[in-house]
Amino acid sequence: MDKAEARKEIETKTIKFLSEEFEVDPSSITPEAPLKETLALDSLDYVDLVVVIEQNFGFKVKGEDFMRLTTFKDFYDHIEAEAAAKA
C-alpha cells in the first residue's frame, strides 16, 4: 500500500468511527473542519476519543497531542505519523 492509499484508509476509517461514536454527519468531517467544534467535544468526549483511537489504530493520543490538533487534517497527520512510527 502506498502512502496515498494509506492516508485515504486512515481518513475513511476515522470518518466512519467518529461519525458513529459522536453521532455527527460524516459529510461535516472535512480536512479543514475544526475537530473540537465539529464533534462537539467536552472533556469526557476526549476520553472516549482516546479510547476509540486506541481501538482503531493501536496507540494512545496524549493530552498534549490534542492541544495541537485543531482540524481533522491535523488529526489525520498525527494518526499517519504514529502509524508510521509503529511500522
PDB file of N, CA and C in Angstrom:
ATOM      1  N   MET A   1       0.847  -1.183   0.000  1.00  0.00           N
ATOM      2  CA  MET A   1       0.000   0.000   0.000  1.00  0.00           C
ATOM      3  C   MET A   1       0.893   1.247   0.000  1.00  0.00           C
ATOM      4  N   ASP A   2       0.637   2.148  -0.936  1.00  0.00           N
ATOM      5  CA  ASP A   2       1.464   3.350  -0.971  1.00  0.00           C
ATOM      6  C   ASP A   2       0.936   4.394   0.023  1.00  0.00           C
ATOM      7  N   LYS A   3       1.675   5.482   0.139  1.00  0.00           N
ATOM      8  CA  LYS A   3       1.350   6.499   1.143  1.00  0.00           C
ATOM      9  C   LYS A   3      -0.039   7.116   0.921  1.00  0.00           C
ATOM     10  N   ALA A   4      -0.398   7.385  -0.329  1.00  0.00           N
ATOM     11  CA  ALA A   4      -1.714   7.975  -0.631  1.00  0.00           C
ATOM     12  C   ALA A   4      -2.843   7.014  -0.260  1.00  0.00           C
ATOM     13  N   GLU A   5      -2.656   5.731  -0.530  1.00  0.00           N
ATOM     14  CA  GLU A   5      -3.673   4.733  -0.171  1.00  0.00           C
ATOM     15  C   GLU A   5      -3.794   4.610   1.345  1.00  0.00           C
ATOM     16  N   ALA A   6      -2.651   4.623   2.021  1.00  0.00           N
ATOM     17  CA  ALA A   6      -2.653   4.530   3.485  1.00  0.00           C
ATOM     18  C   ALA A   6      -3.364   5.739   4.083  1.00  0.00           C
ATOM     19  N   ARG A   7      -3.109   6.914   3.533  1.00  0.00           N
ATOM     20  CA  ARG A   7      -3.751   8.137   4.028  1.00  0.00           C
ATOM     21  C   ARG A   7      -5.265   8.060   3.818  1.00  0.00           C
ATOM     22  N   LYS A   8      -5.690   7.618   2.640  1.00  0.00           N
ATOM     23  CA  LYS A   8      -7.117   7.501   2.339  1.00  0.00           C
ATOM     24  C   LYS A   8      -7.787   6.521   3.295  1.00  0.00           C
ATOM     25  N   GLU A   9      -7.100   5.418   3.591  1.00  0.00           N
ATOM     26  CA  GLU A   9      -7.635   4.427   4.534  1.00  0.00           C
ATOM     27  C   GLU A   9      -7.792   5.028   5.923  1.00  0.00           C
ATOM     28  N   ILE A  10      -6.804   5.808   6.371  1.00  0.00           N
ATOM     29  CA  ILE A  10      -6.879   6.480   7.673  1.00  0.00           C
ATOM     30  C   ILE A  10      -8.084   7.419   7.700  1.00  0.00           C
ATOM     31  N   GLU A  11      -8.238   8.222   6.651  1.00  0.00           N
ATOM     32  CA  GLU A  11      -9.343   9.178   6.603  1.00  0.00           C
ATOM     33  C   GLU A  11     -10.696   8.469   6.603  1.00  0.00           C
ATOM     34  N   THR A  12     -10.836   7.439   5.768  1.00  0.00           N
ATOM     35  CA  THR A  12     -12.098   6.708   5.673  1.00  0.00           C
ATOM     36  C   THR A  12     -12.456   6.052   7.004  1.00  0.00           C
ATOM     37  N   LYS A  13     -11.482   5.375   7.605  1.00  0.00           N
ATOM     38  CA  LYS A  13     -11.712   4.688   8.876  1.00  0.00           C
ATOM     39  C   LYS A  13     -12.056   5.695   9.984  1.00  0.00           C
ATOM     40  N   THR A  14     -11.337   6.799  10.000  1.00  0.00           N
ATOM     41  CA  THR A  14     -11.550   7.821  11.019  1.00  0.00           C
ATOM     42  C   THR A  14     -12.937   8.444  10.893  1.00  0.00           C
ATOM     43  N   ILE A  15     -13.328   8.803   9.686  1.00  0.00           N
ATOM     44  CA  ILE A  15     -14.652   9.388   9.471  1.00  0.00           C
ATOM     45  C   ILE A  15     -15.737   8.419   9.919  1.00  0.00           C
ATOM     46  N   LYS A  16     -15.558   7.147   9.606  1.00  0.00           N
ATOM     47  CA  LYS A  16     -16.562   6.140   9.962  1.00  0.00           C
ATOM     48  C   LYS A  16     -16.726   6.054  11.486  1.00  0.00           C
ATOM     49  N   PHE A  17     -15.623   5.862  12.216  1.00  0.00           N
ATOM     50  CA  PHE A  17     -15.795   5.680  13.658  1.00  0.00           C
ATOM     51  C   PHE A  17     -16.136   6.978  14.382  1.00  0.00           C
ATOM     52  N   LEU A  18     -15.669   8.123  13.896  1.00  0.00           N
ATOM     53  CA  LEU A  18     -16.037   9.381  14.551  1.00  0.00           C
ATOM     54  C   LEU A  18     -17.501   9.714  14.334  1.00  0.00           C
ATOM     55  N   SER A  19     -17.995   9.491  13.121  1.00  0.00           N
ATOM     56  CA  SER A  19     -19.403   9.806  12.857  1.00  0.00           C
ATOM     57  C   SER A  19     -20.324   8.894  13.660  1.00  0.00           C
ATOM     58  N   GLU A  20     -19.912   7.637  13.845  1.00  0.00           N
ATOM     59  CA  GLU A  20     -20.713   6.707  14.648  1.00  0.00           C
ATOM     60  C   GLU A  20     -20.620   7.020  16.138  1.00  0.00           C
ATOM     61  N   GLU A  21     -19.409   7.189  16.628  1.00  0.00           N
ATOM     62  CA  GLU A  21     -19.183   7.403  18.065  1.00  0.00           C
ATOM     63  C   GLU A  21     -19.758   8.734  18.549  1.00  0.00           C
ATOM     64  N   PHE A  22     -19.607   9.794  17.746  1.00  0.00           N
ATOM     65  CA  PHE A  22     -20.015  11.128  18.185  1.00  0.00           C
ATOM     66  C   PHE A  22     -21.287  11.615  17.493  1.00  0.00           C
ATOM     67  N   GLU A  23     -21.914  10.720  16.731  1.00  0.00           N
ATOM     68  CA  GLU A  23     -23.199  10.989  16.090  1.00  0.00           C
ATOM     69  C   GLU A  23     -23.203  12.300  15.311  1.00  0.00           C
ATOM     70  N   VAL A  24     -22.228  12.435  14.413  1.00  0.00           N
ATOM     71  CA  VAL A  24     -22.183  13.599  13.530  1.00  0.00           C
ATOM     72  C   VAL A  24     -22.302  13.131  12.089  1.00  0.00           C
ATOM     73  N   ASP A  25     -22.767  14.015  11.248  1.00  0.00           N
ATOM     74  CA  ASP A  25     -22.901  13.731   9.825  1.00  0.00           C
ATOM     75  C   ASP A  25     -21.499  13.551   9.234  1.00  0.00           C
ATOM     76  N   PRO A  26     -21.223  12.414   8.593  1.00  0.00           N
ATOM     77  CA  PRO A  26     -19.894  12.188   8.011  1.00  0.00           C
ATOM     78  C   PRO A  26     -19.460  13.300   7.054  1.00  0.00           C
ATOM     79  N   SER A  27     -20.417  13.939   6.373  1.00  0.00           N
ATOM     80  CA  SER A  27     -20.054  14.998   5.431  1.00  0.00           C
ATOM     81  C   SER A  27     -19.523  16.245   6.136  1.00  0.00           C
ATOM     82  N   SER A  28     -19.764  16.373   7.442  1.00  0.00           N
ATOM     83  CA  SER A  28     -19.248  17.528   8.187  1.00  0.00           C
ATOM     84  C   SER A  28     -17.788  17.331   8.588  1.00  0.00           C
ATOM     85  N   ILE A  29     -17.281  16.113   8.439  1.00  0.00           N
ATOM     86  CA  ILE A  29     -15.893  15.811   8.795  1.00  0.00           C
ATOM     87  C   ILE A  29     -15.021  15.990   7.548  1.00  0.00           C
ATOM     88  N   THR A  30     -14.529  17.216   7.391  1.00  0.00           N
ATOM     89  CA  THR A  30     -13.667  17.550   6.261  1.00  0.00           C
ATOM     90  C   THR A  30     -12.284  17.911   6.803  1.00  0.00           C
ATOM     91  N   PRO A  31     -11.246  17.847   5.972  1.00  0.00           N
ATOM     92  CA  PRO A  31      -9.896  18.148   6.477  1.00  0.00           C
ATOM     93  C   PRO A  31      -9.769  19.509   7.162  1.00  0.00           C
ATOM     94  N   GLU A  32     -10.478  20.516   6.664  1.00  0.00           N
ATOM     95  CA  GLU A  32     -10.353  21.864   7.213  1.00  0.00           C
ATOM     96  C   GLU A  32     -11.271  22.128   8.406  1.00  0.00           C
ATOM     97  N   ALA A  33     -12.227  21.234   8.655  1.00  0.00           N
ATOM     98  CA  ALA A  33     -13.193  21.447   9.731  1.00  0.00           C
ATOM     99  C   ALA A  33     -12.510  21.417  11.096  1.00  0.00           C
ATOM    100  N   PRO A  34     -12.970  22.275  12.021  1.00  0.00           N
ATOM    101  CA  PRO A  34     -12.399  22.264  13.377  1.00  0.00           C
ATOM    102  C   PRO A  34     -12.833  21.001  14.126  1.00  0.00           C
ATOM    103  N   LEU A  35     -11.874  20.283  14.631  1.00  0.00           N
ATOM    104  CA  LEU A  35     -12.109  18.998  15.301  1.00  0.00           C
ATOM    105  C   LEU A  35     -13.057  19.130  16.491  1.00  0.00           C
ATOM    106  N   LYS A  36     -12.713  19.976  17.434  1.00  0.00           N
ATOM    107  CA  LYS A  36     -13.484  20.091  18.680  1.00  0.00           C
ATOM    108  C   LYS A  36     -14.919  20.542  18.412  1.00  0.00           C
ATOM    109  N   GLU A  37     -15.084  21.563  17.582  1.00  0.00           N
ATOM    110  CA  GLU A  37     -16.416  22.108  17.330  1.00  0.00           C
ATOM    111  C   GLU A  37     -17.276  21.142  16.509  1.00  0.00           C
ATOM    112  N   THR A  38     -16.690  20.505  15.515  1.00  0.00           N
ATOM    113  CA  THR A  38     -17.449  19.592  14.656  1.00  0.00           C
ATOM    114  C   THR A  38     -17.984  18.412  15.451  1.00  0.00           C
ATOM    115  N   LEU A  39     -17.147  17.875  16.341  1.00  0.00           N
ATOM    116  CA  LEU A  39     -17.559  16.721  17.142  1.00  0.00           C
ATOM    117  C   LEU A  39     -18.248  17.133  18.442  1.00  0.00           C
ATOM    118  N   ALA A  40     -18.310  18.438  18.713  1.00  0.00           N
ATOM    119  CA  ALA A  40     -18.888  18.964  19.958  1.00  0.00           C
ATOM    120  C   ALA A  40     -18.284  18.257  21.174  1.00  0.00           C
ATOM    121  N   LEU A  41     -16.946  18.260  21.228  1.00  0.00           N
ATOM    122  CA  LEU A  41     -16.231  17.540  22.280  1.00  0.00           C
ATOM    123  C   LEU A  41     -16.202  18.313  23.590  1.00  0.00           C
ATOM    124  N   ASP A  42     -16.516  17.596  24.670  1.00  0.00           N
ATOM    125  CA  ASP A  42     -16.263  18.122  26.007  1.00  0.00           C
ATOM    126  C   ASP A  42     -15.156  17.260  26.614  1.00  0.00           C
ATOM    127  N   SER A  43     -14.808  17.496  27.869  1.00  0.00           N
ATOM    128  CA  SER A  43     -13.668  16.775  28.450  1.00  0.00           C
ATOM    129  C   SER A  43     -13.900  15.262  28.502  1.00  0.00           C
ATOM    130  N   LEU A  44     -15.113  14.832  28.757  1.00  0.00           N
ATOM    131  CA  LEU A  44     -15.382  13.389  28.770  1.00  0.00           C
ATOM    132  C   LEU A  44     -15.303  12.794  27.369  1.00  0.00           C
ATOM    133  N   ASP A  45     -15.702  13.570  26.377  1.00  0.00           N
ATOM    134  CA  ASP A  45     -15.620  13.087  24.994  1.00  0.00           C
ATOM    135  C   ASP A  45     -14.169  12.842  24.577  1.00  0.00           C
ATOM    136  N   TYR A  46     -13.253  13.646  25.102  1.00  0.00           N
ATOM    137  CA  TYR A  46     -11.840  13.417  24.780  1.00  0.00           C
ATOM    138  C   TYR A  46     -11.389  12.050  25.267  1.00  0.00           C
ATOM    139  N   VAL A  47     -11.879  11.642  26.420  1.00  0.00           N
ATOM    140  CA  VAL A  47     -11.557  10.307  26.936  1.00  0.00           C
ATOM    141  C   VAL A  47     -12.097   9.248  25.975  1.00  0.00           C
ATOM    142  N   ASP A  48     -13.337   9.421  25.544  1.00  0.00           N
ATOM    143  CA  ASP A  48     -13.925   8.490  24.569  1.00  0.00           C
ATOM    144  C   ASP A  48     -13.114   8.472  23.277  1.00  0.00           C
ATOM    145  N   LEU A  49     -12.680   9.646  22.849  1.00  0.00           N
ATOM    146  CA  LEU A  49     -11.902   9.742  21.609  1.00  0.00           C
ATOM    147  C   LEU A  49     -10.577   8.990  21.732  1.00  0.00           C
ATOM    148  N   VAL A  50      -9.909   9.131  22.867  1.00  0.00           N
ATOM    149  CA  VAL A  50      -8.660   8.399  23.096  1.00  0.00           C
ATOM    150  C   VAL A  50      -8.907   6.894  22.996  1.00  0.00           C
ATOM    151  N   VAL A  51     -10.003   6.432  23.593  1.00  0.00           N
ATOM    152  CA  VAL A  51     -10.330   5.006  23.575  1.00  0.00           C
ATOM    153  C   VAL A  51     -10.589   4.514  22.150  1.00  0.00           C
ATOM    154  N   VAL A  52     -11.382   5.252  21.371  1.00  0.00           N
ATOM    155  CA  VAL A  52     -11.681   4.777  20.014  1.00  0.00           C
ATOM    156  C   VAL A  52     -10.458   4.847  19.099  1.00  0.00           C
ATOM    157  N   ILE A  53      -9.583   5.805  19.341  1.00  0.00           N
ATOM    158  CA  ILE A  53      -8.341   5.854  18.556  1.00  0.00           C
ATOM    159  C   ILE A  53      -7.489   4.625  18.885  1.00  0.00           C
ATOM    160  N   GLU A  54      -7.376   4.321  20.168  1.00  0.00           N
ATOM    161  CA  GLU A  54      -6.586   3.163  20.577  1.00  0.00           C
ATOM    162  C   GLU A  54      -7.176   1.874  19.996  1.00  0.00           C
ATOM    163  N   GLN A  55      -8.501   1.740  20.038  1.00  0.00           N
ATOM    164  CA  GLN A  55      -9.150   0.547  19.500  1.00  0.00           C
ATOM    165  C   GLN A  55      -8.949   0.416  17.993  1.00  0.00           C
ATOM    166  N   ASN A  56      -8.968   1.535  17.279  1.00  0.00           N
ATOM    167  CA  ASN A  56      -8.903   1.503  15.826  1.00  0.00           C
ATOM    168  C   ASN A  56      -7.488   1.539  15.261  1.00  0.00           C
ATOM    169  N   PHE A  57      -6.555   2.165  15.998  1.00  0.00           N
ATOM    170  CA  PHE A  57      -5.212   2.326  15.454  1.00  0.00           C
ATOM    171  C   PHE A  57      -4.098   1.757  16.331  1.00  0.00           C
ATOM    172  N   GLY A  58      -4.419   1.363  17.555  1.00  0.00           N
ATOM    173  CA  GLY A  58      -3.433   0.697  18.399  1.00  0.00           C
ATOM    174  C   GLY A  58      -2.446   1.598  19.113  1.00  0.00           C
ATOM    175  N   PHE A  59      -2.753   2.876  19.275  1.00  0.00           N
ATOM    176  CA  PHE A  59      -1.891   3.759  20.060  1.00  0.00           C
ATOM    177  C   PHE A  59      -2.769   4.765  20.787  1.00  0.00           C
ATOM    178  N   LYS A  60      -2.211   5.352  21.848  1.00  0.00           N
ATOM    179  CA  LYS A  60      -2.938   6.350  22.629  1.00  0.00           C
ATOM    180  C   LYS A  60      -2.521   7.747  22.197  1.00  0.00           C
ATOM    181  N   VAL A  61      -3.480   8.641  22.195  1.00  0.00           N
ATOM    182  CA  VAL A  61      -3.196  10.054  21.956  1.00  0.00           C
ATOM    183  C   VAL A  61      -3.097  10.706  23.324  1.00  0.00           C
ATOM    184  N   LYS A  62      -2.007  11.411  23.559  1.00  0.00           N
ATOM    185  CA  LYS A  62      -1.795  12.059  24.857  1.00  0.00           C
ATOM    186  C   LYS A  62      -2.477  13.427  24.877  1.00  0.00           C
ATOM    187  N   GLY A  63      -2.761  13.905  26.047  1.00  0.00           N
ATOM    188  CA  GLY A  63      -3.424  15.204  26.205  1.00  0.00           C
ATOM    189  C   GLY A  63      -2.703  16.325  25.497  1.00  0.00           C
ATOM    190  N   GLU A  64      -1.375  16.334  25.586  1.00  0.00           N
ATOM    191  CA  GLU A  64      -0.624  17.410  24.931  1.00  0.00           C
ATOM    192  C   GLU A  64      -0.738  17.338  23.408  1.00  0.00           C
ATOM    193  N   ASP A  65      -0.954  16.132  22.877  1.00  0.00           N
ATOM    194  CA  ASP A  65      -1.141  15.992  21.430  1.00  0.00           C
ATOM    195  C   ASP A  65      -2.409  16.707  20.985  1.00  0.00           C
ATOM    196  N   PHE A  66      -3.462  16.619  21.791  1.00  0.00           N
ATOM    197  CA  PHE A  66      -4.726  17.249  21.431  1.00  0.00           C
ATOM    198  C   PHE A  66      -4.608  18.763  21.338  1.00  0.00           C
ATOM    199  N   MET A  67      -3.676  19.335  22.078  1.00  0.00           N
ATOM    200  CA  MET A  67      -3.530  20.789  22.065  1.00  0.00           C
ATOM    201  C   MET A  67      -3.168  21.309  20.675  1.00  0.00           C
ATOM    202  N   ARG A  68      -2.449  20.508  19.890  1.00  0.00           N
ATOM    203  CA  ARG A  68      -2.063  20.983  18.560  1.00  0.00           C
ATOM    204  C   ARG A  68      -2.935  20.422  17.443  1.00  0.00           C
ATOM    205  N   LEU A  69      -3.898  19.592  17.779  1.00  0.00           N
ATOM    206  CA  LEU A  69      -4.794  19.029  16.776  1.00  0.00           C
ATOM    207  C   LEU A  69      -6.055  19.902  16.709  1.00  0.00           C
ATOM    208  N   THR A  70      -6.069  20.834  15.763  1.00  0.00           N
ATOM    209  CA  THR A  70      -7.214  21.743  15.689  1.00  0.00           C
ATOM    210  C   THR A  70      -8.167  21.380  14.555  1.00  0.00           C
ATOM    211  N   THR A  71      -7.654  20.789  13.475  1.00  0.00           N
ATOM    212  CA  THR A  71      -8.508  20.401  12.350  1.00  0.00           C
ATOM    213  C   THR A  71      -8.427  18.897  12.144  1.00  0.00           C
ATOM    214  N   PHE A  72      -9.309  18.384  11.310  1.00  0.00           N
ATOM    215  CA  PHE A  72      -9.247  16.957  11.005  1.00  0.00           C
ATOM    216  C   PHE A  72      -7.976  16.617  10.244  1.00  0.00           C
ATOM    217  N   LYS A  73      -7.460  17.555   9.436  1.00  0.00           N
ATOM    218  CA  LYS A  73      -6.189  17.314   8.742  1.00  0.00           C
ATOM    219  C   LYS A  73      -5.083  17.086   9.768  1.00  0.00           C
ATOM    220  N   ASP A  74      -5.033  17.923  10.803  1.00  0.00           N
ATOM    221  CA  ASP A  74      -4.043  17.738  11.878  1.00  0.00           C
ATOM    222  C   ASP A  74      -4.197  16.355  12.507  1.00  0.00           C
ATOM    223  N   PHE A  75      -5.442  15.969  12.719  1.00  0.00           N
ATOM    224  CA  PHE A  75      -5.758  14.679  13.322  1.00  0.00           C
ATOM    225  C   PHE A  75      -5.259  13.537  12.434  1.00  0.00           C
ATOM    226  N   TYR A  76      -5.560  13.610  11.129  1.00  0.00           N
ATOM    227  CA  TYR A  76      -5.101  12.580  10.190  1.00  0.00           C
ATOM    228  C   TYR A  76      -3.575  12.536  10.137  1.00  0.00           C
ATOM    229  N   ASP A  77      -2.941  13.728  10.116  1.00  0.00           N
ATOM    230  CA  ASP A  77      -1.470  13.788  10.079  1.00  0.00           C
ATOM    231  C   ASP A  77      -0.881  13.087  11.300  1.00  0.00           C
ATOM    232  N   HIS A  78      -1.483  13.317  12.457  1.00  0.00           N
ATOM    233  CA  HIS A  78      -0.994  12.710  13.702  1.00  0.00           C
ATOM    234  C   HIS A  78      -1.139  11.186  13.646  1.00  0.00           C
ATOM    235  N   ILE A  79      -2.289  10.714  13.213  1.00  0.00           N
ATOM    236  CA  ILE A  79      -2.509   9.269  13.114  1.00  0.00           C
ATOM    237  C   ILE A  79      -1.520   8.657  12.124  1.00  0.00           C
ATOM    238  N   GLU A  80      -1.322   9.329  10.995  1.00  0.00           N
ATOM    239  CA  GLU A  80      -0.391   8.836   9.981  1.00  0.00           C
ATOM    240  C   GLU A  80       1.027   8.750  10.544  1.00  0.00           C
ATOM    241  N   ALA A  81       1.449   9.778  11.273  1.00  0.00           N
ATOM    242  CA  ALA A  81       2.793   9.791  11.861  1.00  0.00           C
ATOM    243  C   ALA A  81       2.955   8.691  12.908  1.00  0.00           C
ATOM    244  N   GLU A  82       1.947   8.513  13.752  1.00  0.00           N
ATOM    245  CA  GLU A  82       2.007   7.461  14.778  1.00  0.00           C
ATOM    246  C   GLU A  82       2.030   6.075  14.137  1.00  0.00           C
ATOM    247  N   ALA A  83       1.228   5.887  13.097  1.00  0.00           N
ATOM    248  CA  ALA A  83       1.199   4.591  12.399  1.00  0.00           C
ATOM    249  C   ALA A  83       2.555   4.314  11.750  1.00  0.00           C
ATOM    250  N   ALA A  84       3.162   5.329  11.171  1.00  0.00           N
ATOM    251  CA  ALA A  84       4.475   5.162  10.530  1.00  0.00           C
ATOM    252  C   ALA A  84       5.545   4.838  11.569  1.00  0.00           C
ATOM    253  N   ALA A  85       5.441   5.458  12.747  1.00  0.00           N
ATOM    254  CA  ALA A  85       6.412   5.215  13.806  1.00  0.00           C
ATOM    255  C   ALA A  85       6.313   3.781  14.334  1.00  0.00           C
ATOM    256  N   LYS A  86       5.106   3.214  14.300  1.00  0.00           N
ATOM    257  CA  LYS A  86       4.905   1.838  14.781  1.00  0.00           C
ATOM    258  C   LYS A  86       5.373   0.801  13.761  1.00  0.00           C
ATOM    259  N   ALA A  87       5.375   1.187  12.484  1.00  0.00           N
ATOM    260  CA  ALA A  87       5.690   0.223  11.409  1.00  0.00           C
ATOM    261  C   ALA A  87       7.155  -0.138  11.365  1.00  0.00           C
TER     262      ALA A  87
END
